[in-house]
Amino acid sequence: VAREYPRDYLETGISAIDTLTTLIRGQK
């Protein structure tokens, strides 16, 4: 219940990840 839904983007500098499988702060 205390978890907050991840929203913000975390940039890796890698096109395939940032554009197509974007990593969100707080994600697994």
PDB file of all heavy atoms in Angstrom:
ATOM      1  N   VAL A   1       0.831  -1.202   0.000  1.00  0.00           N
ATOM      2  CA  VAL A   1       0.000   0.000   0.000  1.00  0.00           C
ATOM      3  C   VAL A   1       0.869   1.256   0.000  1.00  0.00           C
ATOM      4  O   VAL A   1       0.474   2.309  -0.498  1.00  0.00           O
ATOM      5  CB  VAL A   1      -0.944  -0.015   1.224  1.00  0.00           C
ATOM      6  CG1 VAL A   1      -1.798   1.246   1.274  1.00  0.00           C
ATOM      7  CG2 VAL A   1      -1.838  -1.246   1.174  1.00  0.00           C
ATOM      8  N   ALA A   2       2.087   1.137   0.553  1.00  0.00           N
ATOM      9  CA  ALA A   2       2.978   2.293   0.642  1.00  0.00           C
ATOM     10  C   ALA A   2       3.768   2.517  -0.637  1.00  0.00           C
ATOM     11  O   ALA A   2       4.459   3.524  -0.772  1.00  0.00           O
ATOM     12  CB  ALA A   2       3.932   2.120   1.820  1.00  0.00           C
ATOM     13  N   ARG A   3       3.671   1.596  -1.589  1.00  0.00           N
ATOM     14  CA  ARG A   3       4.422   1.755  -2.837  1.00  0.00           C
ATOM     15  C   ARG A   3       3.848   2.903  -3.677  1.00  0.00           C
ATOM     16  O   ARG A   3       2.647   3.086  -3.742  1.00  0.00           O
ATOM     17  CB  ARG A   3       4.371   0.463  -3.657  1.00  0.00           C
ATOM     18  CG  ARG A   3       5.296  -0.627  -3.149  1.00  0.00           C
ATOM     19  CD  ARG A   3       5.239  -1.837  -4.068  1.00  0.00           C
ATOM     20  NE  ARG A   3       6.138  -2.888  -3.657  1.00  0.00           N
ATOM     21  CZ  ARG A   3       7.395  -2.999  -4.056  1.00  0.00           C
ATOM     22  NH1 ARG A   3       7.885  -2.101  -4.892  1.00  0.00           N
ATOM     23  NH2 ARG A   3       8.159  -3.987  -3.650  1.00  0.00           N
ATOM     24  N   GLU A   4       4.744   3.615  -4.312  1.00  0.00           N
ATOM     25  CA  GLU A   4       4.338   4.688  -5.214  1.00  0.00           C
ATOM     26  C   GLU A   4       4.532   4.219  -6.652  1.00  0.00           C
ATOM     27  O   GLU A   4       5.519   3.550  -6.963  1.00  0.00           O
ATOM     28  CB  GLU A   4       5.173   5.942  -4.948  1.00  0.00           C
ATOM     29  CG  GLU A   4       4.671   7.175  -5.654  1.00  0.00           C
ATOM     30  CD  GLU A   4       5.403   8.420  -5.193  1.00  0.00           C
ATOM     31  OE1 GLU A   4       5.795   8.471  -4.011  1.00  0.00           O
ATOM     32  OE2 GLU A   4       5.576   9.330  -6.017  1.00  0.00           O
ATOM     33  N   TYR A   5       3.589   4.564  -7.533  1.00  0.00           N
ATOM     34  CA  TYR A   5       3.665   4.087  -8.916  1.00  0.00           C
ATOM     35  C   TYR A   5       4.803   4.791  -9.649  1.00  0.00           C
ATOM     36  O   TYR A   5       4.902   6.016  -9.635  1.00  0.00           O
ATOM     37  CB  TYR A   5       2.342   4.351  -9.636  1.00  0.00           C
ATOM     38  CG  TYR A   5       2.245   3.677 -10.981  1.00  0.00           C
ATOM     39  CD1 TYR A   5       1.882   2.331 -11.072  1.00  0.00           C
ATOM     40  CD2 TYR A   5       2.528   4.368 -12.154  1.00  0.00           C
ATOM     41  CE1 TYR A   5       1.795   1.703 -12.307  1.00  0.00           C
ATOM     42  CE2 TYR A   5       2.442   3.748 -13.394  1.00  0.00           C
ATOM     43  CZ  TYR A   5       2.075   2.413 -13.457  1.00  0.00           C
ATOM     44  OH  TYR A   5       2.004   1.784 -14.672  1.00  0.00           O
ATOM     45  N   PRO A   6       5.702   4.032 -10.306  1.00  0.00           N
ATOM     46  CA  PRO A   6       6.829   4.649 -11.019  1.00  0.00           C
ATOM     47  C   PRO A   6       6.358   5.497 -12.192  1.00  0.00           C
ATOM     48  O   PRO A   6       5.482   5.098 -12.948  1.00  0.00           O
ATOM     49  CB  PRO A   6       7.629   3.431 -11.517  1.00  0.00           C
ATOM     50  CG  PRO A   6       7.204   2.292 -10.647  1.00  0.00           C
ATOM     51  CD  PRO A   6       5.768   2.562 -10.318  1.00  0.00           C
ATOM     52  N   ARG A   7       6.987   6.673 -12.352  1.00  0.00           N
ATOM     53  CA  ARG A   7       6.593   7.582 -13.423  1.00  0.00           C
ATOM     54  C   ARG A   7       7.772   8.105 -14.238  1.00  0.00           C
ATOM     55  O   ARG A   7       7.719   8.160 -15.447  1.00  0.00           O
ATOM     56  CB  ARG A   7       5.853   8.788 -12.828  1.00  0.00           C
ATOM     57  CG  ARG A   7       4.459   8.463 -12.328  1.00  0.00           C
ATOM     58  CD  ARG A   7       3.474   8.341 -13.471  1.00  0.00           C
ATOM     59  NE  ARG A   7       2.124   8.059 -12.975  1.00  0.00           N
ATOM     60  CZ  ARG A   7       1.104   7.743 -13.750  1.00  0.00           C
ATOM     61  NH1 ARG A   7       1.269   7.664 -15.059  1.00  0.00           N
ATOM     62  NH2 ARG A   7      -0.087   7.500 -13.240  1.00  0.00           N
ATOM     63  N   ASP A   8       8.810   8.555 -13.575  1.00  0.00           N
ATOM     64  CA  ASP A   8       9.850   9.333 -14.246  1.00  0.00           C
ATOM     65  C   ASP A   8      10.821   8.450 -15.017  1.00  0.00           C
ATOM     66  O   ASP A   8      11.156   7.338 -14.612  1.00  0.00           O
ATOM     67  CB  ASP A   8      10.602  10.192 -13.221  1.00  0.00           C
ATOM     68  CG  ASP A   8       9.706  11.234 -12.600  1.00  0.00           C
ATOM     69  OD1 ASP A   8       8.961  11.867 -13.354  1.00  0.00           O
ATOM     70  OD2 ASP A   8       9.733  11.395 -11.366  1.00  0.00           O
ATOM     71  N   TYR A   9      11.315   9.014 -16.090  1.00  0.00           N
ATOM     72  CA  TYR A   9      12.191   8.319 -17.035  1.00  0.00           C
ATOM     73  C   TYR A   9      13.644   8.352 -16.567  1.00  0.00           C
ATOM     74  O   TYR A   9      14.120   9.352 -16.030  1.00  0.00           O
ATOM     75  CB  TYR A   9      12.004   9.012 -18.389  1.00  0.00           C
ATOM     76  CG  TYR A   9      13.118   8.889 -19.381  1.00  0.00           C
ATOM     77  CD1 TYR A   9      13.409   7.672 -19.981  1.00  0.00           C
ATOM     78  CD2 TYR A   9      13.845  10.003 -19.771  1.00  0.00           C
ATOM     79  CE1 TYR A   9      14.411   7.580 -20.932  1.00  0.00           C
ATOM     80  CE2 TYR A   9      14.834   9.920 -20.725  1.00  0.00           C
ATOM     81  CZ  TYR A   9      15.129   8.708 -21.297  1.00  0.00           C
ATOM     82  OH  TYR A   9      16.112   8.604 -22.233  1.00  0.00           O
ATOM     83  N   LEU A  10      14.347   7.218 -16.746  1.00  0.00           N
ATOM     84  CA  LEU A  10      15.761   7.138 -16.404  1.00  0.00           C
ATOM     85  C   LEU A  10      16.539   6.869 -17.689  1.00  0.00           C
ATOM     86  O   LEU A  10      16.302   5.866 -18.359  1.00  0.00           O
ATOM     87  CB  LEU A  10      15.992   6.020 -15.370  1.00  0.00           C
ATOM     88  CG  LEU A  10      17.299   6.050 -14.582  1.00  0.00           C
ATOM     89  CD1 LEU A  10      17.110   5.323 -13.242  1.00  0.00           C
ATOM     90  CD2 LEU A  10      18.437   5.395 -15.340  1.00  0.00           C
ATOM     91  N   GLU A  11      17.443   7.765 -18.040  1.00  0.00           N
ATOM     92  CA  GLU A  11      18.132   7.680 -19.329  1.00  0.00           C
ATOM     93  C   GLU A  11      19.400   6.841 -19.230  1.00  0.00           C
ATOM     94  O   GLU A  11      20.250   7.077 -18.363  1.00  0.00           O
ATOM     95  CB  GLU A  11      18.484   9.090 -19.809  1.00  0.00           C
ATOM     96  CG  GLU A  11      19.044   9.138 -21.233  1.00  0.00           C
ATOM     97  CD  GLU A  11      19.126  10.556 -21.756  1.00  0.00           C
ATOM     98  OE1 GLU A  11      18.139  11.030 -22.353  1.00  0.00           O
ATOM     99  OE2 GLU A  11      20.167  11.211 -21.542  1.00  0.00           O
ATOM    100  N   THR A  12      19.533   5.859 -20.133  1.00  0.00           N
ATOM    101  CA  THR A  12      20.733   5.015 -20.169  1.00  0.00           C
ATOM    102  C   THR A  12      21.692   5.427 -21.280  1.00  0.00           C
ATOM    103  O   THR A  12      22.835   4.956 -21.301  1.00  0.00           O
ATOM    104  CB  THR A  12      20.364   3.538 -20.387  1.00  0.00           C
ATOM    105  OG1 THR A  12      19.789   3.376 -21.696  1.00  0.00           O
ATOM    106  CG2 THR A  12      19.363   3.065 -19.344  1.00  0.00           C
ATOM    107  N   GLY A  13      21.252   6.266 -22.207  1.00  0.00           N
ATOM    108  CA  GLY A  13      22.087   6.668 -23.334  1.00  0.00           C
ATOM    109  C   GLY A  13      22.139   5.637 -24.441  1.00  0.00           C
ATOM    110  O   GLY A  13      22.906   5.781 -25.399  1.00  0.00           O
ATOM    111  N   ILE A  14      21.313   4.585 -24.337  1.00  0.00           N
ATOM    112  CA  ILE A  14      21.281   3.507 -25.326  1.00  0.00           C
ATOM    113  C   ILE A  14      19.950   3.578 -26.067  1.00  0.00           C
ATOM    114  O   ILE A  14      18.880   3.449 -25.463  1.00  0.00           O
ATOM    115  CB  ILE A  14      21.471   2.139 -24.647  1.00  0.00           C
ATOM    116  CG1 ILE A  14      22.833   2.086 -23.958  1.00  0.00           C
ATOM    117  CG2 ILE A  14      21.336   0.998 -25.656  1.00  0.00           C
ATOM    118  CD1 ILE A  14      23.020   0.925 -23.018  1.00  0.00           C
ATOM    119  N   SER A  15      20.003   3.774 -27.391  1.00  0.00           N
ATOM    120  CA  SER A  15      18.786   4.027 -28.170  1.00  0.00           C
ATOM    121  C   SER A  15      17.760   2.916 -28.041  1.00  0.00           C
ATOM    122  O   SER A  15      16.561   3.178 -27.878  1.00  0.00           O
ATOM    123  CB  SER A  15      19.149   4.222 -29.647  1.00  0.00           C
ATOM    124  OG  SER A  15      19.909   5.385 -29.835  1.00  0.00           O
ATOM    125  N   ALA A  16      18.197   1.646 -28.141  1.00  0.00           N
ATOM    126  CA  ALA A  16      17.264   0.527 -28.113  1.00  0.00           C
ATOM    127  C   ALA A  16      16.494   0.471 -26.803  1.00  0.00           C
ATOM    128  O   ALA A  16      15.311   0.087 -26.774  1.00  0.00           O
ATOM    129  CB  ALA A  16      18.018  -0.792 -28.341  1.00  0.00           C
ATOM    130  N   ILE A  17      17.147   0.868 -25.713  1.00  0.00           N
ATOM    131  CA  ILE A  17      16.485   0.835 -24.401  1.00  0.00           C
ATOM    132  C   ILE A  17      15.654   2.099 -24.195  1.00  0.00           C
ATOM    133  O   ILE A  17      14.460   2.031 -23.885  1.00  0.00           O
ATOM    134  CB  ILE A  17      17.522   0.667 -23.271  1.00  0.00           C
ATOM    135  CG1 ILE A  17      18.235  -0.685 -23.400  1.00  0.00           C
ATOM    136  CG2 ILE A  17      16.847   0.779 -21.905  1.00  0.00           C
ATOM    137  CD1 ILE A  17      19.336  -0.899 -22.378  1.00  0.00           C
ATOM    138  N   ASP A  18      16.264   3.247 -24.368  1.00  0.00           N
ATOM    139  CA  ASP A  18      15.568   4.506 -24.065  1.00  0.00           C
ATOM    140  C   ASP A  18      14.345   4.730 -24.944  1.00  0.00           C
ATOM    141  O   ASP A  18      13.326   5.250 -24.495  1.00  0.00           O
ATOM    142  CB  ASP A  18      16.526   5.691 -24.229  1.00  0.00           C
ATOM    143  CG  ASP A  18      17.615   5.691 -23.174  1.00  0.00           C
ATOM    144  OD1 ASP A  18      17.475   4.966 -22.178  1.00  0.00           O
ATOM    145  OD2 ASP A  18      18.608   6.429 -23.348  1.00  0.00           O
ATOM    146  N   THR A  19      14.415   4.335 -26.212  1.00  0.00           N
ATOM    147  CA  THR A  19      13.324   4.608 -27.143  1.00  0.00           C
ATOM    148  C   THR A  19      12.266   3.511 -27.138  1.00  0.00           C
ATOM    149  O   THR A  19      11.066   3.799 -27.168  1.00  0.00           O
ATOM    150  CB  THR A  19      13.869   4.761 -28.576  1.00  0.00           C
ATOM    151  OG1 THR A  19      14.948   5.685 -28.567  1.00  0.00           O
ATOM    152  CG2 THR A  19      12.796   5.258 -29.524  1.00  0.00           C
ATOM    153  N   LEU A  20      12.690   2.248 -27.090  1.00  0.00           N
ATOM    154  CA  LEU A  20      11.768   1.139 -27.330  1.00  0.00           C
ATOM    155  C   LEU A  20      11.399   0.337 -26.085  1.00  0.00           C
ATOM    156  O   LEU A  20      10.328  -0.272 -26.042  1.00  0.00           O
ATOM    157  CB  LEU A  20      12.375   0.203 -28.385  1.00  0.00           C
ATOM    158  CG  LEU A  20      12.662   0.875 -29.735  1.00  0.00           C
ATOM    159  CD1 LEU A  20      13.434  -0.058 -30.642  1.00  0.00           C
ATOM    160  CD2 LEU A  20      11.368   1.318 -30.397  1.00  0.00           C
ATOM    161  N   THR A  21      12.265   0.295 -25.083  1.00  0.00           N
ATOM    162  CA  THR A  21      11.950  -0.400 -23.826  1.00  0.00           C
ATOM    163  C   THR A  21      12.343   0.513 -22.675  1.00  0.00           C
ATOM    164  O   THR A  21      13.191   0.178 -21.861  1.00  0.00           O
ATOM    165  CB  THR A  21      12.687  -1.749 -23.728  1.00  0.00           C
ATOM    166  OG1 THR A  21      14.102  -1.526 -23.880  1.00  0.00           O
ATOM    167  CG2 THR A  21      12.218  -2.720 -24.776  1.00  0.00           C
ATOM    168  N   THR A  22      11.722   1.657 -22.630  1.00  0.00           N
ATOM    169  CA  THR A  22      12.131   2.734 -21.734  1.00  0.00           C
ATOM    170  C   THR A  22      12.147   2.289 -20.272  1.00  0.00           C
ATOM    171  O   THR A  22      11.198   1.678 -19.782  1.00  0.00           O
ATOM    172  CB  THR A  22      11.191   3.935 -21.895  1.00  0.00           C
ATOM    173  OG1 THR A  22      11.074   4.246 -23.288  1.00  0.00           O
ATOM    174  CG2 THR A  22      11.722   5.141 -21.160  1.00  0.00           C
ATOM    175  N   LEU A  23      13.250   2.625 -19.602  1.00  0.00           N
ATOM    176  CA  LEU A  23      13.412   2.307 -18.184  1.00  0.00           C
ATOM    177  C   LEU A  23      12.815   3.433 -17.340  1.00  0.00           C
ATOM    178  O   LEU A  23      13.181   4.600 -17.496  1.00  0.00           O
ATOM    179  CB  LEU A  23      14.901   2.126 -17.874  1.00  0.00           C
ATOM    180  CG  LEU A  23      15.283   1.797 -16.433  1.00  0.00           C
ATOM    181  CD1 LEU A  23      14.709   0.445 -16.021  1.00  0.00           C
ATOM    182  CD2 LEU A  23      16.799   1.789 -16.271  1.00  0.00           C
ATOM    183  N   ILE A  24      11.897   3.069 -16.456  1.00  0.00           N
ATOM    184  CA  ILE A  24      11.223   4.041 -15.587  1.00  0.00           C
ATOM    185  C   ILE A  24      11.798   3.927 -14.183  1.00  0.00           C
ATOM    186  O   ILE A  24      12.054   2.832 -13.687  1.00  0.00           O
ATOM    187  CB  ILE A  24       9.705   3.789 -15.567  1.00  0.00           C
ATOM    188  CG1 ILE A  24       9.147   3.787 -17.006  1.00  0.00           C
ATOM    189  CG2 ILE A  24       9.000   4.854 -14.736  1.00  0.00           C
ATOM    190  CD1 ILE A  24       9.379   5.066 -17.781  1.00  0.00           C
ATOM    191  N   ARG A  25      12.013   5.051 -13.546  1.00  0.00           N
ATOM    192  CA  ARG A  25      12.580   5.071 -12.199  1.00  0.00           C
ATOM    193  C   ARG A  25      11.692   4.291 -11.217  1.00  0.00           C
ATOM    194  O   ARG A  25      10.497   4.573 -11.094  1.00  0.00           O
ATOM    195  CB  ARG A  25      12.724   6.521 -11.732  1.00  0.00           C
ATOM    196  CG  ARG A  25      13.677   6.724 -10.567  1.00  0.00           C
ATOM    197  CD  ARG A  25      13.635   8.145 -10.079  1.00  0.00           C
ATOM    198  NE  ARG A  25      13.795   9.123 -11.143  1.00  0.00           N
ATOM    199  CZ  ARG A  25      13.586  10.423 -10.974  1.00  0.00           C
ATOM    200  NH1 ARG A  25      13.169  10.887  -9.804  1.00  0.00           N
ATOM    201  NH2 ARG A  25      13.741  11.261 -11.984  1.00  0.00           N
ATOM    202  N   GLY A  26      12.258   3.285 -10.564  1.00  0.00           N
ATOM    203  CA  GLY A  26      11.501   2.433  -9.646  1.00  0.00           C
ATOM    204  C   GLY A  26      11.055   1.124 -10.278  1.00  0.00           C
ATOM    205  O   GLY A  26      10.405   0.306  -9.632  1.00  0.00           O
ATOM    206  N   GLN A  27      11.428   0.894 -11.549  1.00  0.00           N
ATOM    207  CA  GLN A  27      11.002  -0.299 -12.286  1.00  0.00           C
ATOM    208  C   GLN A  27      11.980  -1.457 -12.093  1.00  0.00           C
ATOM    209  O   GLN A  27      13.144  -1.266 -11.763  1.00  0.00           O
ATOM    210  CB  GLN A  27      10.895   0.044 -13.778  1.00  0.00           C
ATOM    211  CG  GLN A  27      10.366  -1.076 -14.665  1.00  0.00           C
ATOM    212  CD  GLN A  27      10.246  -0.647 -16.121  1.00  0.00           C
ATOM    213  OE1 GLN A  27      10.711   0.411 -16.503  1.00  0.00           O
ATOM    214  NE2 GLN A  27       9.637  -1.478 -16.940  1.00  0.00           N
ATOM    215  N   LYS A  28      11.496  -2.668 -12.341  1.00  0.00           N
ATOM    216  CA  LYS A  28      12.317  -3.874 -12.402  1.00  0.00           C
ATOM    217  C   LYS A  28      12.336  -4.316 -13.867  1.00  0.00           C
ATOM    218  O   LYS A  28      11.322  -4.786 -14.378  1.00  0.00           O
ATOM    219  CB  LYS A  28      11.731  -4.983 -11.526  1.00  0.00           C
ATOM    220  CG  LYS A  28      11.434  -4.555 -10.095  1.00  0.00           C
ATOM    221  CD  LYS A  28      10.797  -5.679  -9.285  1.00  0.00           C
ATOM    222  CE  LYS A  28       9.332  -5.916  -9.667  1.00  0.00           C
ATOM    223  NZ  LYS A  28       8.444  -4.868  -9.185  1.00  0.00           N
TER     224      LYS A  28
END
